[in-house]
Amino acid sequence: MRTNAGPLFETPPASPTAAEERPARAWRPRRLLVTRAARSFAHGRAILTRAAALGVEIVELPGDRLMLPAIDDPRRAYAEAKATLAVVVAPPSKRRLQPIAPSADWRVDLAEGCPAHCSYCYLAGSLKGPPITRVYANLDEILDSLPGYLGQGTVTSRSRTRAGEGTTFEASCYTDPLALEPLTGSLSAAIAWFGRWQADAQLRFTTKFADVAALLPLDHQGRTRMRASLNPPAFARFEGGTARTAERLRAVRRMAEAGYPVGLTIAPIIAAEGWQQAYAALFADAAAALAALPGLDLTVELITHRFTAGSKAVLDSWYPGSALDMTGANRTTKRTKFGGEKQVYDADTMRALRSFFERQLADRLPMARLLYWT
C-alpha cells in the first residue's frame, strides 16, 4: 500500500454518445484514499480488502483530511476526482437524518458521490468541491441510529396514502449505492440489517446500474424497495458510464422474482424533441420486462428535469458541448423551500408531460402505484 498520494491525471471521459451500445463495466477507481479514522472500523478495512483484490491502488492517509492536487483545468480536475474513491468516517452531523420529501421520510447516506457521468447530475449543485466518491466506514454506527427515527417522519410514516410503506429511509439521495456495491458491500449490509429489523420500516434505493446478483439471495424480508432510474435509450448520451436501460429493467425483474418490492424512477424526464415517442417506447419496454410477475409490488416516481444556476455552471464545466438543453426555453423559475431558485419546465410543458405520463401508466402499467409527480 502506498502512503503518499501523488497526482494521478487521466484523460477526461469520452462523450457518452454510445452508452446504449455496450454493457457498462463495473466501476473501478484508479486509487482509493483511506483516512486514519476509517481504518479503525471493520467495515472500512473490509472495503480495503475488496479494493486490493481488484487491483485498486490504496493510499493510506496519515490523517483524516482528503487532499487532491490543485488543478486549474476543470475537466482534468473532474477526471482526477471521478477516478478516486475515499473511505472516510461519517461525522455525527452526517448521521443526523434529514427529511427527503417526496421520496421518503428520511435520508440515510451510505456514501456521497457517484461514479457515473450524467450530464444532468443533481449532485453537481448539491455537493461541494471535487466530485470524489466518499464511502463511510462507520456503517454500523449509521444503521444503529435508525431506530430513533421510527414513526417520526411525515412523508410515509404519517401519510394516509403511503402509510403501508412504514417509516422509509432513502439511501440514494447523494449516491448510487449499487454502483459502489462491488467495492463496499454497504448496500448488502444495509439490506440484511433491515431484514433483521422487526419494525414497520423500509429501506429504499434507486440506481442506474444493474448488477444485482449480490442482492438476490439476501434475507430482505420485503423491507427494501429497489427502483431503477430510467430514461429512454434515445437519451442515453446524457447518462455516461451507466447500465443500459434494458439491463436496468432486467435487474428490476430479477429483484421482483427474489421477492423485493420494486419501482421505476423515470428521471429526469427530458422534454427534448421526440420525447413522446421515446417515452412511449420506454413504457412499452417496461411493460414487457415486468409482464407475468405474480404478486408484483411496483411503484413509479416521475421527476422532471430541473437545474439551478449553480448546477448549470458546474455541469457546463464538466460536460462542455453537451446536447442537454439548459437554456431558458420552455422554462420558468421556481423558488425552493430553502430560498434558492431552480429552472423547471413551464406550465404548458408540465401539463403536456404529466397528461402523457399518466395515460402511459394507465395503459401500460396499470398495476403500478404512482407515488408522486414533480
Protein backbone atom coordinates (compact mmCIF):
# COMPACT_ATOMS: atom_id res chain seq x y z
CA MET A 1 0.00 0.00 0.00
CA ARG A 2 1.29 3.43 -0.93
CA THR A 3 1.39 6.03 1.83
CA ASN A 4 1.89 9.20 -0.24
CA ALA A 5 -0.69 10.48 -2.73
CA GLY A 6 0.89 11.91 -5.85
CA PRO A 7 -1.17 13.32 -8.72
CA LEU A 8 -2.76 10.77 -11.00
CA PHE A 9 -4.07 12.55 -14.08
CA GLU A 10 -6.15 10.77 -16.65
CA THR A 11 -7.93 11.74 -19.84
CA PRO A 12 -11.46 13.03 -19.18
CA PRO A 13 -14.15 10.51 -20.07
CA ALA A 14 -15.24 10.40 -23.66
CA SER A 15 -18.62 11.78 -24.62
CA PRO A 16 -21.15 9.03 -23.78
CA THR A 17 -22.88 9.04 -27.18
CA ALA A 18 -22.62 5.24 -27.45
CA ALA A 19 -23.71 4.43 -23.90
CA GLU A 20 -26.50 2.16 -25.11
CA GLU A 21 -24.26 0.18 -27.47
CA ARG A 22 -22.27 -1.78 -24.89
CA PRO A 23 -22.84 -3.09 -21.37
CA ALA A 24 -21.48 -0.88 -18.62
CA ARG A 25 -18.48 -2.30 -16.83
CA ALA A 26 -18.36 -2.22 -13.04
CA TRP A 27 -16.69 0.93 -11.85
CA ARG A 28 -13.15 0.53 -10.62
CA PRO A 29 -11.40 3.65 -9.29
CA ARG A 30 -7.77 4.24 -10.13
CA ARG A 31 -6.99 4.78 -6.49
CA LEU A 32 -8.59 4.56 -3.07
CA LEU A 33 -7.80 7.04 -0.32
CA VAL A 34 -8.46 5.87 3.23
CA THR A 35 -8.31 8.11 6.27
CA ARG A 36 -6.69 7.11 9.54
CA ALA A 37 -10.05 7.05 11.35
CA ALA A 38 -11.68 4.90 8.66
CA ARG A 39 -9.03 2.21 9.11
CA SER A 40 -10.21 1.69 12.70
CA PHE A 41 -13.61 0.34 11.55
CA ALA A 42 -14.09 -3.26 10.44
CA HIS A 43 -16.27 -2.18 7.53
CA GLY A 44 -13.58 0.24 6.37
CA ARG A 45 -10.96 -2.49 6.46
CA ALA A 46 -13.28 -4.83 4.54
CA ILE A 47 -13.57 -2.22 1.77
CA LEU A 48 -9.77 -2.05 1.59
CA THR A 49 -9.60 -5.82 1.24
CA ARG A 50 -12.10 -5.78 -1.64
CA ALA A 51 -10.29 -2.94 -3.39
CA ALA A 52 -6.90 -4.61 -3.04
CA ALA A 53 -8.31 -7.84 -4.53
CA LEU A 54 -9.45 -5.83 -7.57
CA GLY A 55 -6.02 -4.30 -8.02
CA VAL A 56 -7.00 -0.79 -6.93
CA GLU A 57 -4.10 1.34 -5.66
CA ILE A 58 -4.64 2.07 -1.96
CA VAL A 59 -3.30 5.23 -0.37
CA GLU A 60 -3.30 5.30 3.42
CA LEU A 61 -3.58 8.91 4.54
CA PRO A 62 -1.76 9.91 7.73
CA GLY A 63 -4.77 11.85 8.99
CA ASP A 64 -8.43 12.42 8.24
CA ARG A 65 -8.21 15.19 5.65
CA LEU A 66 -8.69 14.40 1.96
CA MET A 67 -6.22 16.09 -0.34
CA LEU A 68 -6.13 16.25 -4.13
CA PRO A 69 -3.57 18.21 -6.11
CA ALA A 70 -4.73 21.63 -7.27
CA ILE A 71 -5.66 21.56 -10.95
CA ASP A 72 -6.58 24.66 -12.94
CA ASP A 73 -8.32 22.80 -15.79
CA PRO A 74 -11.88 21.93 -14.62
CA ARG A 75 -12.07 18.92 -16.92
CA ARG A 76 -8.84 17.44 -15.59
CA ALA A 77 -9.87 18.18 -12.02
CA TYR A 78 -13.17 16.43 -12.70
CA ALA A 79 -11.42 13.37 -14.16
CA GLU A 80 -8.99 13.18 -11.25
CA ALA A 81 -11.81 13.29 -8.72
CA LYS A 82 -14.02 10.83 -10.61
CA ALA A 83 -11.18 8.30 -10.61
CA THR A 84 -10.88 8.45 -6.82
CA LEU A 85 -12.75 6.61 -4.07
CA ALA A 86 -12.31 7.78 -0.49
CA VAL A 87 -13.11 5.73 2.60
CA VAL A 88 -13.95 8.13 5.41
CA VAL A 89 -15.93 8.31 8.65
CA ALA A 90 -19.34 9.97 8.65
CA PRO A 91 -19.29 12.54 11.47
CA PRO A 92 -22.21 12.93 13.90
CA SER A 93 -23.62 15.79 11.79
CA LYS A 94 -23.93 13.44 8.81
CA ARG A 95 -25.68 10.84 10.97
CA ARG A 96 -28.44 13.25 11.97
CA LEU A 97 -31.01 12.35 9.36
CA GLN A 98 -32.83 14.90 7.22
CA PRO A 99 -36.30 14.60 5.62
CA ILE A 100 -36.24 13.80 1.91
CA ALA A 101 -39.71 14.58 0.52
CA PRO A 102 -41.32 13.46 -1.69
CA SER A 103 -39.33 10.21 -1.77
CA ALA A 104 -39.10 9.11 1.84
CA ASP A 105 -39.27 10.10 5.49
CA TRP A 106 -35.52 10.24 5.99
CA ARG A 107 -32.30 10.35 4.00
CA VAL A 108 -29.70 7.84 5.15
CA ASP A 109 -26.33 8.20 3.44
CA LEU A 110 -24.11 5.16 2.95
CA ALA A 111 -21.87 7.23 0.68
CA GLU A 112 -21.69 10.55 -1.14
CA GLY A 113 -20.84 10.89 -4.81
CA CYS A 114 -21.35 8.71 -7.86
CA PRO A 115 -19.03 7.22 -10.50
CA ALA A 116 -21.45 7.81 -13.41
CA HIS A 117 -21.10 10.68 -15.89
CA CYS A 118 -24.62 12.09 -16.22
CA SER A 119 -24.71 15.50 -17.86
CA TYR A 120 -27.77 16.50 -15.79
CA CYS A 121 -26.24 15.28 -12.48
CA TYR A 122 -28.15 16.61 -9.47
CA LEU A 123 -25.10 16.23 -7.25
CA ALA A 124 -23.35 18.98 -9.19
CA GLY A 125 -25.44 21.55 -7.36
CA SER A 126 -25.63 19.73 -4.03
CA LEU A 127 -22.14 18.60 -3.04
CA LYS A 128 -19.22 20.95 -2.59
CA GLY A 129 -15.75 20.52 -4.01
CA PRO A 130 -14.37 17.96 -6.48
CA PRO A 131 -16.71 15.03 -7.20
CA ILE A 132 -14.77 12.42 -5.23
CA THR A 133 -16.94 9.49 -4.19
CA ARG A 134 -16.82 9.06 -0.42
CA VAL A 135 -17.99 5.88 1.29
CA TYR A 136 -18.50 5.59 5.03
CA ALA A 137 -16.51 3.14 7.11
CA ASN A 138 -18.72 3.51 10.20
CA LEU A 139 -21.72 1.82 8.60
CA ASP A 140 -22.73 0.12 11.86
CA GLU A 141 -23.00 3.48 13.63
CA ILE A 142 -25.15 4.84 10.79
CA LEU A 143 -27.54 1.88 10.84
CA ASP A 144 -27.72 1.64 14.63
CA SER A 145 -29.04 5.22 14.80
CA LEU A 146 -32.09 4.49 12.64
CA PRO A 147 -34.49 3.10 15.30
CA GLY A 148 -34.62 6.56 16.88
CA TYR A 149 -36.38 7.84 13.74
CA LEU A 150 -39.04 5.13 13.58
CA GLY A 151 -42.51 6.65 13.17
CA GLN A 152 -41.12 10.19 13.21
CA GLY A 153 -41.30 11.09 9.51
CA THR A 154 -44.00 12.95 7.59
CA VAL A 155 -43.77 11.54 4.05
CA THR A 156 -44.84 7.94 4.68
CA SER A 157 -44.95 7.45 8.46
CA ARG A 158 -47.99 9.69 8.83
CA SER A 159 -49.37 9.57 5.30
CA ARG A 160 -52.77 8.01 4.63
CA THR A 161 -51.81 7.13 1.07
CA ARG A 162 -48.33 5.72 1.79
CA ALA A 163 -48.62 4.53 5.41
CA GLY A 164 -48.27 0.93 4.24
CA GLU A 165 -44.61 1.60 3.48
CA GLY A 166 -43.88 2.33 7.13
CA THR A 167 -41.04 4.66 8.06
CA THR A 168 -38.95 5.00 4.92
CA PHE A 169 -35.21 5.58 4.61
CA GLU A 170 -33.81 6.71 1.25
CA ALA A 171 -30.24 5.51 0.59
CA SER A 172 -29.68 7.05 -2.85
CA CYS A 173 -30.12 10.77 -2.35
CA TYR A 174 -26.42 11.56 -2.67
CA THR A 175 -25.10 8.40 -4.30
CA ASP A 176 -25.90 5.33 -6.35
CA PRO A 177 -25.22 2.57 -3.80
CA LEU A 178 -25.49 -0.27 -6.32
CA ALA A 179 -22.71 1.25 -8.43
CA LEU A 180 -20.38 1.05 -5.41
CA GLU A 181 -21.51 -2.33 -4.11
CA PRO A 182 -18.68 -4.50 -5.57
CA LEU A 183 -16.19 -2.36 -3.64
CA THR A 184 -18.12 -1.53 -0.48
CA GLY A 185 -20.69 -4.21 0.34
CA SER A 186 -22.55 -1.41 2.14
CA LEU A 187 -25.85 -1.88 0.35
CA SER A 188 -25.95 -5.64 1.06
CA ALA A 189 -25.17 -4.96 4.71
CA ALA A 190 -27.96 -2.37 4.94
CA ILE A 191 -30.49 -4.67 3.25
CA ALA A 192 -29.63 -7.52 5.62
CA TRP A 193 -29.86 -5.13 8.59
CA PHE A 194 -33.36 -4.02 7.56
CA GLY A 195 -34.29 -7.67 7.07
CA ARG A 196 -33.38 -8.37 10.71
CA TRP A 197 -35.08 -5.21 11.99
CA GLN A 198 -38.52 -6.30 13.19
CA ALA A 199 -40.09 -2.91 12.58
CA ASP A 200 -42.54 -1.19 10.25
CA ALA A 201 -39.75 0.33 8.18
CA GLN A 202 -38.40 0.21 4.64
CA LEU A 203 -35.05 0.90 3.01
CA ARG A 204 -35.26 2.47 -0.46
CA PHE A 205 -32.66 2.91 -3.14
CA THR A 206 -32.69 3.83 -6.81
CA THR A 207 -29.99 3.02 -9.32
CA LYS A 208 -28.82 3.44 -12.89
CA PHE A 209 -26.80 0.23 -12.62
CA ALA A 210 -27.85 -3.38 -12.99
CA ASP A 211 -25.54 -5.84 -11.20
CA VAL A 212 -27.93 -7.09 -8.54
CA ALA A 213 -26.51 -10.62 -8.21
CA ALA A 214 -25.18 -10.00 -4.69
CA LEU A 215 -28.58 -8.75 -3.51
CA LEU A 216 -30.77 -11.60 -4.76
CA PRO A 217 -30.03 -14.20 -2.01
CA LEU A 218 -30.24 -11.75 0.90
CA ASP A 219 -32.87 -12.25 3.62
CA HIS A 220 -34.51 -8.90 2.95
CA GLN A 221 -37.96 -9.73 4.42
CA GLY A 222 -39.55 -7.37 1.92
CA ARG A 223 -38.18 -4.33 3.76
CA THR A 224 -36.11 -2.94 0.88
CA ARG A 225 -37.55 -1.42 -2.28
CA MET A 226 -35.20 -1.37 -5.26
CA ARG A 227 -36.03 1.12 -8.03
CA ALA A 228 -34.40 1.52 -11.41
CA SER A 229 -33.82 5.09 -12.56
CA LEU A 230 -34.77 5.10 -16.23
CA ASN A 231 -34.62 7.18 -19.36
CA PRO A 232 -35.22 6.06 -22.94
CA PRO A 233 -32.26 4.70 -24.93
CA ALA A 234 -32.62 7.79 -27.14
CA PHE A 235 -31.36 9.88 -24.21
CA ALA A 236 -28.50 7.54 -23.25
CA ARG A 237 -25.97 10.15 -24.34
CA PHE A 238 -26.84 12.05 -21.16
CA GLU A 239 -26.05 9.07 -18.87
CA GLY A 240 -22.44 8.07 -19.44
CA GLY A 241 -20.96 5.13 -17.58
CA THR A 242 -24.30 3.62 -16.56
CA ALA A 243 -26.02 0.34 -17.41
CA ARG A 244 -28.21 0.18 -20.48
CA THR A 245 -31.93 0.77 -20.00
CA ALA A 246 -32.71 -2.83 -20.94
CA GLU A 247 -30.21 -4.09 -18.35
CA ARG A 248 -31.81 -1.98 -15.63
CA LEU A 249 -35.25 -3.34 -16.50
CA ARG A 250 -33.93 -6.89 -16.35
CA ALA A 251 -32.46 -6.10 -12.93
CA VAL A 252 -35.86 -4.92 -11.69
CA ARG A 253 -37.43 -8.17 -12.84
CA ARG A 254 -34.74 -10.25 -11.12
CA MET A 255 -35.25 -8.34 -7.88
CA ALA A 256 -39.03 -8.78 -8.08
CA GLU A 257 -38.57 -12.50 -8.66
CA ALA A 258 -36.44 -12.56 -5.49
CA GLY A 259 -39.37 -11.12 -3.55
CA TYR A 260 -38.29 -7.49 -3.34
CA PRO A 261 -40.81 -4.69 -3.78
CA VAL A 262 -39.57 -2.73 -6.80
CA GLY A 263 -40.12 0.52 -8.62
CA LEU A 264 -39.36 2.66 -11.64
CA THR A 265 -38.00 6.16 -11.16
CA ILE A 266 -38.33 7.90 -14.51
CA ALA A 267 -35.87 10.71 -14.08
CA PRO A 268 -35.10 13.21 -15.18
CA ILE A 269 -37.95 13.48 -17.67
CA ILE A 270 -36.49 15.43 -20.57
CA ALA A 271 -38.83 17.30 -22.93
CA ALA A 272 -36.44 17.13 -25.87
CA GLU A 273 -37.52 16.70 -29.48
CA GLY A 274 -39.25 13.34 -29.95
CA TRP A 275 -39.89 12.83 -26.24
CA GLN A 276 -43.38 11.38 -26.76
CA GLN A 277 -42.15 8.56 -28.99
CA ALA A 278 -39.10 7.92 -26.81
CA TYR A 279 -41.02 7.64 -23.54
CA ALA A 280 -43.87 5.66 -25.13
CA ALA A 281 -41.27 3.10 -26.20
CA LEU A 282 -39.80 3.11 -22.68
CA PHE A 283 -43.19 2.32 -21.16
CA ALA A 284 -43.70 -0.47 -23.69
CA ASP A 285 -40.30 -1.93 -22.79
CA ALA A 286 -41.05 -1.70 -19.06
CA ALA A 287 -44.41 -3.41 -19.50
CA ALA A 288 -42.79 -6.24 -21.45
CA ALA A 289 -39.94 -6.63 -18.93
CA LEU A 290 -42.34 -6.86 -15.96
CA ALA A 291 -45.06 -8.98 -17.56
CA ALA A 292 -46.41 -12.10 -15.82
CA LEU A 293 -44.82 -11.44 -12.43
CA PRO A 294 -47.17 -12.80 -9.74
CA GLY A 295 -47.55 -10.60 -6.69
CA LEU A 296 -45.62 -7.73 -8.26
CA ASP A 297 -45.33 -4.75 -5.88
CA LEU A 298 -44.47 -1.91 -8.27
CA THR A 299 -44.27 1.84 -7.68
CA VAL A 300 -43.48 4.66 -10.10
CA GLU A 301 -41.91 8.05 -9.42
CA LEU A 302 -41.92 10.77 -12.08
CA ILE A 303 -39.34 13.55 -11.82
CA THR A 304 -38.95 16.25 -14.47
CA HIS A 305 -35.60 17.80 -15.37
CA ARG A 306 -34.65 20.88 -13.41
CA PHE A 307 -31.45 22.77 -12.65
CA THR A 308 -30.09 25.74 -10.75
CA ALA A 309 -27.70 28.41 -11.95
CA GLY A 310 -25.02 26.85 -9.77
CA SER A 311 -25.50 23.31 -11.04
CA LYS A 312 -25.60 24.54 -14.65
CA ALA A 313 -22.24 26.30 -14.21
CA VAL A 314 -20.67 23.14 -12.76
CA LEU A 315 -22.16 20.86 -15.42
CA ASP A 316 -21.08 23.18 -18.23
CA SER A 317 -17.51 22.88 -16.94
CA TRP A 318 -17.73 19.09 -16.60
CA TYR A 319 -19.52 18.42 -19.91
CA PRO A 320 -18.76 21.25 -22.33
CA GLY A 321 -20.73 20.90 -25.53
CA SER A 322 -23.40 18.65 -24.01
CA ALA A 323 -26.59 18.48 -26.10
CA LEU A 324 -28.75 18.65 -22.98
CA ASP A 325 -30.85 21.80 -23.17
CA MET A 326 -30.30 24.00 -20.14
CA THR A 327 -31.37 27.26 -21.77
CA GLY A 328 -34.42 29.23 -20.75
CA ALA A 329 -36.60 27.70 -23.46
CA ASN A 330 -39.89 26.32 -22.08
CA ARG A 331 -38.68 27.10 -18.56
CA THR A 332 -39.85 29.08 -15.59
CA THR A 333 -38.19 29.97 -12.30
CA LYS A 334 -39.38 28.22 -9.16
CA ARG A 335 -38.28 29.15 -5.67
CA THR A 336 -37.14 26.29 -3.43
CA LYS A 337 -38.08 25.80 0.21
CA PHE A 338 -34.54 26.92 1.12
CA GLY A 339 -34.92 30.25 -0.68
CA GLY A 340 -32.97 29.31 -3.80
CA GLU A 341 -34.15 29.27 -7.39
CA LYS A 342 -34.36 26.48 -9.93
CA GLN A 343 -35.38 26.29 -13.56
CA VAL A 344 -38.32 23.94 -14.20
CA TYR A 345 -40.47 23.38 -17.26
CA ASP A 346 -43.19 25.99 -17.78
CA ALA A 347 -46.84 25.28 -17.03
CA ASP A 348 -47.81 24.29 -20.58
CA THR A 349 -44.91 21.86 -20.92
CA MET A 350 -45.60 20.41 -17.48
CA ARG A 351 -49.26 19.84 -18.30
CA ALA A 352 -48.40 18.10 -21.55
CA LEU A 353 -45.80 15.90 -19.85
CA ARG A 354 -47.98 14.95 -16.90
CA SER A 355 -51.01 14.13 -19.04
CA PHE A 356 -48.88 11.94 -21.31
CA PHE A 357 -47.19 10.05 -18.47
CA GLU A 358 -50.41 9.42 -16.58
CA ARG A 359 -52.00 7.99 -19.73
CA GLN A 360 -49.00 5.78 -20.36
CA LEU A 361 -49.07 4.49 -16.80
CA ALA A 362 -52.76 3.66 -17.00
CA ASP A 363 -52.36 1.92 -20.36
CA ARG A 364 -49.03 0.14 -19.93
CA LEU A 365 -48.52 -0.37 -16.19
CA PRO A 366 -51.98 -0.36 -14.60
CA MET A 367 -50.68 -2.47 -11.69
CA ALA A 368 -48.22 0.27 -10.67
CA ARG A 369 -48.79 2.77 -7.88
CA LEU A 370 -47.74 6.35 -8.73
CA LEU A 371 -46.06 7.83 -5.67
CA TYR A 372 -45.57 11.38 -6.89
CA TRP A 373 -45.02 13.71 -9.83
CA THR A 374 -42.58 16.60 -9.53
